[in-house]
Amino acid sequence: MVYYQLRSSRTPLLCSLALFVLYLLYQLLGSLQILNNPQGTKPQPASRLKKVAVVHHGAHPGIDTESKESAGSQQEPNLEDLLRSKENEDWVRLRADQCAPYPRYEDIEFTNPYFQLTRHENLTYYLYGAYYDRRPTIPEMVVLGMVTRCGGSYPASYLQVWYDGDTQPEKLPVHQSKLGWYPEWGHPEAVAFPTLFSFQMNSQRVPQLVSLVFDPCAVPKNAFKVVPPPPEEPPNAQRPKRIGVCVKYLTFPDVDMTDRFVEWLELMRLLGATKVTAFDIGQLMPNTMRTLAHYTEAGDGFFDLRKFRFPNETADHETFRAMIIEVLLYNDCLYRSLYDFDFVAVVDVDEVIMPLGEHRTWQDLLTHLQTQDVNATTRSSYCFRNVYFSKQLPADESIPEQFFMLRHVMRVAEHLDPYSAIKCLHDISYVTLLHNHFPFQWMNASDPYHVGIDLGQMQHYRYTENLKSLVDPPPVRDDNIRRFQHQLIHNSLEVHRQLAQSRAAY
């Protein structure tokens, strides 16, 4: 009897067993996919003033830690492929013993994937990038790096400039050397400082490759591919201003910043940002990385997270080096953005340049400021005073916890003075060297404009060291951010919904 019952149940049992085996195979394949892609991200295609008081917050991020691959970072044009592709060219071999030979990959010393090392006399140059700048009347090549000198003169230098199809380089003398620091802020021994070298071009041609040398005939020990700019566009007053946001390296190794980043990035978008650029030094939690990967995907592309590692020129002065390296990154962001944006904002992820009154976007505010400003056509930057929306002040419990800025609408009563911890919107047509808080240098333009606190302010969401300011004068409620509440919550929750779906797929 039992035999016949089992026999009659054979087909359903076999079907159930087959379904169970298929389920196990599905789980196994999913596990392999996670192992191959532990961050849960989709594979990314290869692409390519007046002196003011400076306020720096926070400790150093452990700058000797090596960075990991970051989801969404764009890969640079492959230098090795270019140099090796020329090795067998007859003209390259013939030039090997001549003045200014073509660079060889084996001659380049990389301190890490992002810096090339060049030494001269008692100085060390950690070179980071080269950029074509067509803004001046005579176009320039700009080389950005860190140099172990703070102030004074630099040795004479030259740029060997290679054009595609040419068999010998042009040799250009340095035009300007610009230090991105004030020596009176501190200059410890053996520390490298952000420095920019410019070279005036002899023509409108855009180079393919450049090398910085100290003898025009020297064998080059560094080489940088040059990204050609897009064709120039005719002026278009009707086009909305394109505004990029430059952020330093992100260092939150022990805190999941998903909620904070989503709220901040969506607010940047509402305020009119075209794109946000930040730097990854390998100190973000996996879930934070998954969140940022959402913004770097092709479907969005609002965020560019670029891999970076410190040059580590010395083991000493870690906090100081972590501070000054920010200047290098902001200027890299500036020169990468020359042809993508009209303005750039330099801010941290706990800061918001907030338009006030009837102005809801940076574009609206800039239009108003340029209408009122007699020097608007040549204004280098528009700068905003800092005011603390301190974490120590009570939060509005009626707003969900994941919206930190919407919850914190109490601030200290007084803004900092116009020369302390300001942040600016910089006109890309004019600024040539940036600091965290203001422009160091600009060309053919007027001094930065200090925007009145009735029109805009720099809202800083952090702890406040000045405890007295938390009580005297009494804090005030400043809920101007609530103008964006409905849209900000809606947009942020939609991102969280998409992130939840993405996690559920793994």
Protein backbone atom coordinates (compact mmCIF):
# COMPACT_ATOMS: atom_id res chain seq x y z
CA MET A 1 0.00 0.00 0.00
CA VAL A 2 2.76 2.42 0.96
CA TYR A 3 4.61 1.46 -2.19
CA TYR A 4 1.66 2.48 -4.39
CA GLN A 5 1.22 5.75 -2.54
CA LEU A 6 4.90 6.61 -3.04
CA ARG A 7 4.73 5.58 -6.68
CA SER A 8 1.73 7.85 -7.26
CA SER A 9 3.58 10.75 -5.59
CA ARG A 10 6.78 10.29 -7.62
CA THR A 11 6.10 13.03 -10.16
CA PRO A 12 5.29 15.77 -7.61
CA LEU A 13 8.34 14.75 -5.55
CA LEU A 14 10.64 14.96 -8.57
CA CYS A 15 9.26 18.39 -9.48
CA SER A 16 9.82 19.65 -5.94
CA LEU A 17 13.36 18.26 -5.93
CA ALA A 18 14.12 19.97 -9.26
CA LEU A 19 12.86 23.33 -7.97
CA PHE A 20 14.99 22.95 -4.84
CA VAL A 21 18.11 22.26 -6.95
CA LEU A 22 17.41 25.34 -9.12
CA TYR A 23 17.05 27.47 -5.98
CA LEU A 24 20.42 26.25 -4.68
CA LEU A 25 22.07 27.07 -8.01
CA TYR A 26 20.55 30.59 -7.93
CA GLN A 27 21.88 31.19 -4.42
CA LEU A 28 25.33 29.90 -5.40
CA LEU A 29 25.54 32.21 -8.41
CA GLY A 30 24.44 35.17 -6.29
CA SER A 31 27.16 34.44 -3.74
CA LEU A 32 29.80 34.29 -6.45
CA GLN A 33 28.61 37.64 -7.79
CA ILE A 34 28.90 39.24 -4.37
CA LEU A 35 32.39 37.82 -3.93
CA ASN A 36 33.43 39.31 -7.24
CA ASN A 37 31.75 42.65 -6.48
CA PRO A 38 31.74 43.07 -2.71
CA GLN A 39 30.44 46.62 -2.71
CA GLY A 40 27.26 45.63 -4.50
CA THR A 41 27.89 48.18 -7.20
CA LYS A 42 27.48 47.85 -10.91
CA PRO A 43 30.74 47.62 -12.87
CA GLN A 44 31.74 51.06 -14.07
CA PRO A 45 32.93 51.54 -17.63
CA ALA A 46 36.46 52.87 -18.05
CA SER A 47 36.37 56.62 -18.82
CA ARG A 48 38.30 58.82 -18.36
CA LEU A 49 41.98 88.05 -1.47
CA LYS A 50 42.71 89.44 0.99
CA LYS A 51 44.17 87.11 3.56
CA VAL A 52 41.44 85.74 5.76
CA ALA A 53 41.36 83.80 8.96
CA VAL A 54 41.33 80.09 8.11
CA VAL A 55 39.33 77.69 10.26
CA HIS A 56 40.19 74.00 9.92
CA HIS A 57 38.10 71.40 11.72
CA GLY A 58 38.74 67.80 12.63
CA ALA A 59 41.71 65.54 13.10
CA HIS A 60 43.82 64.03 10.38
CA PRO A 61 42.22 61.04 8.61
CA GLY A 62 45.08 58.59 8.99
CA ILE A 63 46.73 59.71 5.80
CA ASP A 64 49.10 56.77 5.45
CA THR A 65 46.26 54.38 4.77
CA GLU A 66 46.14 53.17 1.18
CA SER A 67 42.93 53.87 -0.66
CA LYS A 68 40.77 51.15 -2.15
CA GLU A 69 39.16 51.09 -5.55
CA SER A 70 36.19 53.44 -5.44
CA ALA A 71 32.92 52.72 -7.17
CA GLY A 72 32.33 55.18 -9.95
CA SER A 73 35.78 56.77 -10.11
CA GLN A 74 36.79 57.57 -13.65
CA GLN A 75 40.02 56.08 -14.91
CA GLU A 76 42.55 58.47 -16.40
CA PRO A 77 43.82 58.09 -19.97
CA ASN A 78 46.37 55.28 -19.88
CA LEU A 79 49.82 56.86 -19.84
CA GLU A 80 51.68 53.56 -20.03
CA ASP A 81 49.82 52.50 -23.18
CA LEU A 82 50.74 55.77 -24.92
CA LEU A 83 54.44 55.66 -23.99
CA ARG A 84 54.87 51.99 -24.86
CA SER A 85 53.07 52.43 -28.18
CA LYS A 86 55.88 54.78 -29.25
CA GLU A 87 58.83 52.62 -28.14
CA ASN A 88 59.35 50.98 -31.53
CA GLU A 89 58.98 54.16 -33.58
CA ASP A 90 62.19 54.91 -35.50
CA TRP A 91 62.18 58.58 -34.52
CA VAL A 92 61.86 57.66 -30.82
CA ARG A 93 64.89 55.38 -30.99
CA LEU A 94 66.87 58.00 -32.92
CA ARG A 95 66.06 60.65 -30.30
CA ALA A 96 67.17 58.47 -27.37
CA ASP A 97 70.61 60.11 -27.23
CA GLN A 98 69.51 63.56 -28.38
CA CYS A 99 68.22 66.67 -26.64
CA ALA A 100 64.81 66.12 -24.99
CA PRO A 101 64.15 62.46 -25.85
CA TYR A 102 60.64 61.06 -25.81
CA PRO A 103 59.63 59.95 -22.27
CA ARG A 104 60.13 56.29 -21.35
CA TYR A 105 57.75 54.65 -18.94
CA GLU A 106 60.66 52.99 -17.10
CA ASP A 107 62.17 56.41 -16.30
CA ILE A 108 59.09 57.61 -14.41
CA GLU A 109 59.08 57.20 -10.64
CA PHE A 110 55.60 56.83 -9.17
CA THR A 111 55.27 57.39 -5.43
CA ASN A 112 51.78 55.90 -5.81
CA PRO A 113 49.34 55.69 -8.75
CA TYR A 114 48.58 59.43 -8.50
CA PHE A 115 51.94 61.19 -8.02
CA GLN A 116 55.10 61.24 -10.13
CA LEU A 117 58.35 62.04 -8.32
CA THR A 118 60.93 64.48 -9.68
CA ARG A 119 63.95 65.78 -7.75
CA HIS A 120 66.12 68.82 -8.35
CA GLU A 121 68.83 70.16 -6.08
CA ASN A 122 67.40 69.89 -2.54
CA LEU A 123 63.76 69.97 -3.63
CA THR A 124 61.32 67.14 -4.28
CA TYR A 125 58.38 67.61 -6.65
CA TYR A 126 55.35 65.34 -6.31
CA LEU A 127 53.59 66.09 -9.59
CA TYR A 128 49.88 65.35 -9.82
CA GLY A 129 48.39 66.60 -13.07
CA ALA A 130 48.68 68.79 -16.18
CA TYR A 131 45.84 70.83 -17.68
CA TYR A 132 45.36 72.93 -20.83
CA ASP A 133 44.03 76.40 -20.00
CA ARG A 134 42.74 78.47 -22.92
CA ARG A 135 41.32 81.27 -20.73
CA PRO A 136 44.37 83.60 -20.91
CA THR A 137 45.03 85.63 -24.05
CA ILE A 138 48.00 83.33 -24.59
CA PRO A 139 46.90 79.75 -23.74
CA GLU A 140 48.84 78.01 -20.99
CA MET A 141 49.73 74.56 -19.78
CA VAL A 142 49.32 74.26 -16.02
CA VAL A 143 51.18 71.65 -13.96
CA LEU A 144 49.91 70.98 -10.42
CA GLY A 145 51.83 69.26 -7.66
CA MET A 146 53.33 69.36 -4.18
CA VAL A 147 56.85 70.79 -3.68
CA THR A 148 59.03 70.70 -0.59
CA ARG A 149 59.38 74.48 -0.51
CA CYS A 150 57.10 77.12 1.00
CA GLY A 151 57.85 80.54 -0.38
CA GLY A 152 60.87 82.04 -2.05
CA SER A 153 62.00 81.34 -5.59
CA TYR A 154 61.94 78.04 -7.44
CA PRO A 155 64.64 76.66 -9.73
CA ALA A 156 64.22 77.47 -13.41
CA SER A 157 62.00 74.85 -15.02
CA TYR A 158 60.81 74.00 -18.48
CA LEU A 159 58.01 72.06 -20.09
CA GLN A 160 58.76 69.60 -22.87
CA VAL A 161 55.60 69.65 -24.96
CA TRP A 162 54.77 66.83 -27.38
CA TYR A 163 52.08 67.16 -30.03
CA ASP A 164 50.47 64.20 -31.72
CA GLY A 165 52.40 63.46 -34.93
CA ASP A 166 55.48 65.53 -34.04
CA THR A 167 58.90 63.91 -33.67
CA GLN A 168 60.44 66.51 -31.38
CA PRO A 169 59.02 68.55 -28.51
CA GLU A 170 58.59 72.25 -27.97
CA LYS A 171 60.47 73.48 -24.90
CA LEU A 172 58.72 76.18 -22.89
CA PRO A 173 60.17 78.15 -19.95
CA VAL A 174 58.06 78.48 -16.82
CA HIS A 175 55.84 81.56 -16.89
CA GLN A 176 54.60 81.65 -13.28
CA SER A 177 55.02 79.63 -10.09
CA LYS A 178 52.14 79.94 -7.64
CA LEU A 179 52.18 78.70 -4.04
CA GLY A 180 48.81 77.60 -2.67
CA TRP A 181 49.68 78.53 0.91
CA TYR A 182 50.84 81.44 3.06
CA PRO A 183 54.16 80.70 4.85
CA GLU A 184 52.93 82.47 7.99
CA TRP A 185 50.29 79.75 8.36
CA GLY A 186 53.11 77.28 9.03
CA HIS A 187 55.80 75.53 7.02
CA PRO A 188 57.26 72.47 8.78
CA GLU A 189 60.43 70.86 7.49
CA ALA A 190 60.20 68.17 4.79
CA VAL A 191 56.52 68.89 4.07
CA ALA A 192 55.44 69.39 0.45
CA PHE A 193 53.18 72.33 -0.36
CA PRO A 194 50.60 72.74 -3.13
CA THR A 195 52.20 74.54 -6.06
CA LEU A 196 51.09 75.42 -9.56
CA PHE A 197 53.39 76.06 -12.52
CA SER A 198 52.13 77.72 -15.71
CA PHE A 199 53.77 77.73 -19.15
CA GLN A 200 52.69 79.98 -22.00
CA MET A 201 52.06 78.13 -25.26
CA ASN A 202 53.53 79.13 -28.61
CA SER A 203 50.33 78.33 -30.51
CA GLN A 204 46.71 77.28 -30.12
CA ARG A 205 47.57 73.60 -30.55
CA VAL A 206 46.71 71.28 -27.66
CA PRO A 207 49.57 68.97 -26.62
CA GLN A 208 49.26 65.24 -26.30
CA LEU A 209 51.94 64.84 -23.63
CA VAL A 210 54.02 67.13 -21.38
CA SER A 211 56.99 66.70 -19.02
CA LEU A 212 58.38 69.14 -16.44
CA VAL A 213 62.21 69.32 -16.49
CA PHE A 214 64.95 71.60 -15.19
CA ASP A 215 67.08 71.53 -18.34
CA PRO A 216 65.29 71.87 -21.68
CA CYS A 217 67.33 68.95 -23.07
CA ALA A 218 66.95 66.71 -20.01
CA VAL A 219 65.73 63.13 -20.09
CA PRO A 220 62.20 63.49 -18.68
CA LYS A 221 61.43 61.74 -15.41
CA ASN A 222 57.70 62.48 -15.56
CA ALA A 223 55.00 62.60 -18.21
CA PHE A 224 51.35 63.61 -18.23
CA LYS A 225 48.75 63.07 -20.89
CA VAL A 226 46.72 66.17 -21.70
CA VAL A 227 42.96 65.94 -22.05
CA PRO A 228 41.93 68.16 -24.99
CA PRO A 229 39.18 70.67 -24.22
CA PRO A 230 35.84 70.60 -26.02
CA PRO A 231 35.22 73.05 -28.87
CA GLU A 232 34.53 76.58 -27.69
CA GLU A 233 30.86 77.49 -27.52
CA PRO A 234 29.52 80.92 -28.51
CA PRO A 235 28.29 83.01 -25.55
CA ASN A 236 24.74 82.17 -24.58
CA ALA A 237 23.18 84.48 -22.00
CA GLN A 238 20.01 82.38 -21.95
CA ARG A 239 21.77 79.21 -20.79
CA PRO A 240 21.44 78.57 -17.05
CA LYS A 241 24.72 78.85 -15.18
CA ARG A 242 26.44 75.50 -14.75
CA ILE A 243 27.77 75.14 -11.21
CA GLY A 244 30.10 72.42 -9.99
CA VAL A 245 30.81 71.53 -6.38
CA CYS A 246 34.34 70.60 -5.23
CA VAL A 247 34.70 68.54 -2.04
CA LYS A 248 37.88 67.26 -0.37
CA TYR A 249 38.66 63.62 0.48
CA LEU A 250 35.91 61.80 2.37
CA THR A 251 36.92 60.21 5.66
CA PHE A 252 34.15 58.48 7.59
CA PRO A 253 35.58 55.02 8.32
CA ASP A 254 33.36 54.25 11.32
CA VAL A 255 30.07 55.97 10.49
CA ASP A 256 27.52 55.02 7.84
CA MET A 257 26.93 58.35 6.11
CA THR A 258 24.15 57.16 3.83
CA ASP A 259 21.41 59.35 5.31
CA ARG A 260 23.62 62.43 5.56
CA PHE A 261 24.99 62.07 2.04
CA VAL A 262 21.60 61.48 0.44
CA GLU A 263 20.09 64.53 2.15
CA TRP A 264 23.11 66.71 1.32
CA LEU A 265 23.46 65.60 -2.31
CA GLU A 266 19.76 66.02 -2.99
CA LEU A 267 19.88 69.50 -1.47
CA MET A 268 22.89 70.33 -3.67
CA ARG A 269 20.80 69.29 -6.66
CA LEU A 270 17.86 71.43 -5.58
CA LEU A 271 20.12 74.45 -5.09
CA GLY A 272 21.34 74.15 -8.67
CA ALA A 273 24.52 72.08 -8.59
CA THR A 274 25.35 70.45 -11.92
CA LYS A 275 27.81 67.93 -10.49
CA VAL A 276 29.68 67.18 -7.26
CA THR A 277 33.29 65.96 -7.21
CA ALA A 278 34.93 64.39 -4.13
CA PHE A 279 37.94 62.17 -3.41
CA ASP A 280 38.08 58.63 -2.02
CA ILE A 281 41.03 57.68 0.20
CA GLY A 282 39.57 54.31 1.21
CA GLN A 283 37.95 55.47 4.44
CA LEU A 284 34.25 54.95 3.79
CA MET A 285 32.03 52.18 5.09
CA PRO A 286 30.70 49.66 2.53
CA ASN A 287 27.13 50.90 2.77
CA THR A 288 28.28 54.49 2.29
CA MET A 289 30.16 53.38 -0.83
CA ARG A 290 27.04 51.68 -2.18
CA THR A 291 25.11 54.89 -1.63
CA LEU A 292 27.65 57.04 -3.46
CA ALA A 293 27.82 54.47 -6.27
CA HIS A 294 24.14 55.18 -6.88
CA TYR A 295 25.04 58.78 -7.72
CA THR A 296 27.99 57.85 -9.94
CA GLU A 297 26.10 55.46 -12.19
CA ALA A 298 25.47 56.41 -15.79
CA GLY A 299 21.77 56.90 -15.11
CA ASP A 300 22.55 59.70 -12.66
CA GLY A 301 26.16 60.86 -12.98
CA PHE A 302 25.63 63.65 -10.45
CA PHE A 303 28.61 62.58 -8.34
CA ASP A 304 32.22 61.87 -9.26
CA LEU A 305 34.23 60.02 -6.60
CA ARG A 306 37.87 60.10 -7.61
CA LYS A 307 40.45 57.73 -6.12
CA PHE A 308 43.32 59.39 -4.29
CA ARG A 309 46.29 58.65 -2.05
CA PHE A 310 48.55 61.03 -0.17
CA PRO A 311 52.13 61.44 -1.40
CA ASN A 312 53.45 60.72 2.12
CA GLU A 313 56.62 62.73 1.65
CA THR A 314 57.36 62.43 5.37
CA ALA A 315 56.04 60.47 8.33
CA ASP A 316 55.78 63.62 10.44
CA HIS A 317 53.16 66.40 10.67
CA GLU A 318 50.22 64.19 9.69
CA THR A 319 47.52 66.66 10.74
CA PHE A 320 49.22 69.53 8.92
CA ARG A 321 49.74 67.49 5.74
CA ALA A 322 46.12 66.33 5.79
CA MET A 323 45.09 69.98 5.90
CA ILE A 324 47.25 71.35 3.09
CA ILE A 325 46.57 68.47 0.69
CA GLU A 326 43.01 69.77 0.44
CA VAL A 327 44.33 72.76 -1.52
CA LEU A 328 45.80 70.44 -4.16
CA LEU A 329 42.48 68.62 -4.56
CA TYR A 330 40.41 71.78 -4.87
CA ASN A 331 42.67 73.07 -7.61
CA ASP A 332 42.61 69.75 -9.42
CA CYS A 333 38.81 69.97 -9.30
CA LEU A 334 38.97 73.54 -10.62
CA TYR A 335 41.20 72.76 -13.59
CA ARG A 336 39.27 69.62 -14.49
CA SER A 337 36.13 71.78 -14.50
CA LEU A 338 37.35 74.64 -16.71
CA TYR A 339 35.13 73.69 -19.63
CA ASP A 340 32.27 72.00 -17.77
CA PHE A 341 31.02 74.75 -15.46
CA ASP A 342 30.64 78.51 -15.14
CA PHE A 343 31.12 78.57 -11.36
CA VAL A 344 32.47 76.18 -8.76
CA ALA A 345 31.59 76.03 -5.07
CA VAL A 346 34.21 74.71 -2.63
CA VAL A 347 32.44 73.23 0.40
CA ASP A 348 32.50 70.30 2.82
CA VAL A 349 29.69 67.78 3.18
CA ASP A 350 28.49 69.50 6.37
CA GLU A 351 28.21 72.89 4.65
CA VAL A 352 25.57 74.52 2.48
CA ILE A 353 25.79 77.87 0.68
CA MET A 354 22.16 78.86 1.19
CA PRO A 355 20.39 81.56 -0.87
CA LEU A 356 18.00 83.60 1.28
CA GLY A 357 14.89 85.70 0.74
CA GLU A 358 13.19 85.18 -2.59
CA HIS A 359 16.17 83.33 -4.07
CA ARG A 360 15.97 79.54 -4.05
CA THR A 361 18.85 78.52 -6.30
CA TRP A 362 22.45 79.59 -6.76
CA GLN A 363 21.60 80.56 -10.33
CA ASP A 364 18.86 82.94 -9.17
CA LEU A 365 21.10 84.43 -6.52
CA LEU A 366 24.03 84.92 -8.89
CA THR A 367 21.77 86.62 -11.44
CA HIS A 368 20.59 88.99 -8.73
CA LEU A 369 24.11 89.66 -7.45
CA GLN A 370 25.45 90.31 -10.92
CA THR A 371 22.60 92.74 -11.56
CA GLN A 372 23.39 94.69 -8.38
CA ASP A 373 27.20 94.48 -8.57
CA VAL A 374 28.83 97.23 -10.64
CA ASN A 375 31.84 94.94 -11.17
CA ALA A 376 29.73 91.87 -11.94
CA THR A 377 31.23 91.26 -15.36
CA THR A 378 34.68 90.75 -13.82
CA ARG A 379 34.05 89.50 -10.28
CA SER A 380 36.33 86.64 -9.27
CA SER A 381 34.13 85.12 -6.54
CA TYR A 382 31.04 85.63 -4.42
CA CYS A 383 31.72 84.73 -0.78
CA PHE A 384 29.33 83.90 2.06
CA ARG A 385 29.70 84.30 5.81
CA ASN A 386 29.79 81.24 8.05
CA VAL A 387 27.09 80.59 10.66
CA TYR A 388 26.92 77.46 12.82
CA PHE A 389 23.82 75.27 12.94
CA SER A 390 25.36 73.49 15.88
CA LYS A 391 24.79 69.84 16.72
CA GLN A 392 24.68 70.88 20.38
CA LEU A 393 21.44 72.83 19.83
CA PRO A 394 18.08 71.02 20.07
CA ALA A 395 16.80 69.20 16.99
CA ASP A 396 13.22 69.35 15.70
CA GLU A 397 11.86 65.92 16.62
CA SER A 398 8.91 66.28 14.24
CA ILE A 399 11.22 65.61 11.28
CA PRO A 400 12.39 62.01 10.63
CA GLU A 401 15.85 61.21 12.01
CA GLN A 402 17.39 60.56 8.59
CA PHE A 403 17.07 64.27 7.70
CA PHE A 404 19.79 65.82 9.81
CA MET A 405 19.76 69.30 8.26
CA LEU A 406 15.97 69.59 8.16
CA ARG A 407 15.92 68.69 11.87
CA HIS A 408 18.55 71.26 12.84
CA VAL A 409 17.01 74.69 12.31
CA MET A 410 18.45 76.33 15.44
CA ARG A 411 21.68 78.23 14.94
CA VAL A 412 23.98 80.52 16.87
CA ALA A 413 22.82 84.12 16.74
CA GLU A 414 25.85 85.69 15.11
CA HIS A 415 27.64 84.99 11.86
CA LEU A 416 31.42 84.85 11.81
CA ASP A 417 33.07 87.95 10.39
CA PRO A 418 33.54 88.23 6.60
CA TYR A 419 37.15 87.05 6.83
CA SER A 420 36.65 83.88 8.88
CA ALA A 421 35.75 80.49 7.41
CA ILE A 422 33.88 81.93 4.45
CA LYS A 423 32.98 79.78 1.45
CA CYS A 424 32.56 81.05 -2.09
CA LEU A 425 31.08 80.55 -5.52
CA HIS A 426 34.04 81.09 -7.85
CA ASP A 427 33.75 82.32 -11.43
CA ILE A 428 35.72 79.85 -13.53
CA SER A 429 36.46 82.56 -16.09
CA TYR A 430 38.82 84.28 -13.65
CA VAL A 431 40.08 82.23 -10.68
CA THR A 432 43.46 80.61 -11.15
CA LEU A 433 44.34 79.31 -7.66
CA LEU A 434 41.92 78.29 -4.90
CA HIS A 435 42.07 77.79 -1.16
CA ASN A 436 39.38 76.06 0.89
CA HIS A 437 37.85 79.37 1.92
CA PHE A 438 38.69 81.91 -0.77
CA PRO A 439 40.54 82.40 -4.07
CA PHE A 440 44.31 82.83 -3.76
CA GLN A 441 44.69 84.34 -7.22
CA TRP A 442 42.59 85.43 -10.16
CA MET A 443 43.20 87.13 -13.52
CA ASN A 444 41.57 90.16 -15.14
CA ALA A 445 38.92 90.39 -12.42
CA SER A 446 37.84 92.33 -9.34
CA ASP A 447 38.31 91.21 -5.75
CA PRO A 448 35.86 88.71 -4.24
CA TYR A 449 32.46 90.12 -3.31
CA HIS A 450 31.20 89.55 0.24
CA VAL A 451 27.50 88.72 -0.03
CA GLY A 452 25.24 90.28 2.59
CA ILE A 453 23.64 87.93 5.11
CA ASP A 454 20.21 89.05 3.93
CA LEU A 455 20.94 87.41 0.56
CA GLY A 456 22.88 84.30 1.47
CA GLN A 457 24.91 82.52 4.15
CA MET A 458 27.15 79.51 4.56
CA GLN A 459 25.29 77.12 6.87
CA HIS A 460 27.71 74.92 8.81
CA TYR A 461 26.23 71.82 10.46
CA ARG A 462 28.78 70.75 13.06
CA TYR A 463 29.87 70.96 16.68
CA THR A 464 30.77 74.45 17.86
CA GLU A 465 33.95 74.93 19.88
CA ASN A 466 32.83 78.37 21.10
CA LEU A 467 30.44 77.16 23.78
CA LYS A 468 29.56 80.69 24.81
CA SER A 469 27.99 81.31 21.40
CA LEU A 470 25.47 78.54 22.14
CA VAL A 471 23.84 80.64 24.86
CA ASP A 472 24.96 84.26 24.48
CA PRO A 473 23.42 85.80 22.47
CA PRO A 474 20.51 83.33 22.61
CA PRO A 475 20.34 80.97 19.58
CA VAL A 476 17.76 81.76 16.92
CA ARG A 477 15.49 79.61 14.79
CA ASP A 478 16.45 79.82 11.12
CA ASP A 479 14.29 77.44 9.11
CA ASN A 480 15.01 78.75 5.63
CA ILE A 481 15.91 75.18 4.59
CA ARG A 482 12.26 74.24 5.14
CA ARG A 483 11.46 75.94 1.83
CA PHE A 484 12.86 72.76 0.28
CA GLN A 485 11.36 70.34 2.80
CA HIS A 486 8.67 68.70 0.68
CA GLN A 487 10.84 68.18 -2.40
CA LEU A 488 13.93 67.26 -0.41
CA ILE A 489 12.13 64.57 1.57
CA HIS A 490 10.40 63.25 -1.54
CA ASN A 491 13.62 63.05 -3.56
CA SER A 492 15.64 61.55 -0.70
CA LEU A 493 13.05 58.87 0.05
CA GLU A 494 13.00 57.92 -3.62
CA VAL A 495 16.77 57.44 -3.52
CA HIS A 496 16.45 55.32 -0.37
CA ARG A 497 13.77 53.23 -2.12
CA GLN A 498 16.09 52.61 -5.06
CA LEU A 499 18.97 51.77 -2.74
CA ALA A 500 16.76 49.26 -0.89
CA GLN A 501 15.80 47.63 -4.18
CA SER A 502 19.43 47.43 -5.18
CA ARG A 503 20.40 45.75 -1.89
CA ALA A 504 17.51 43.30 -2.20
CA ALA A 505 18.87 42.16 -5.56
CA TYR A 506 21.99 40.73 -3.91
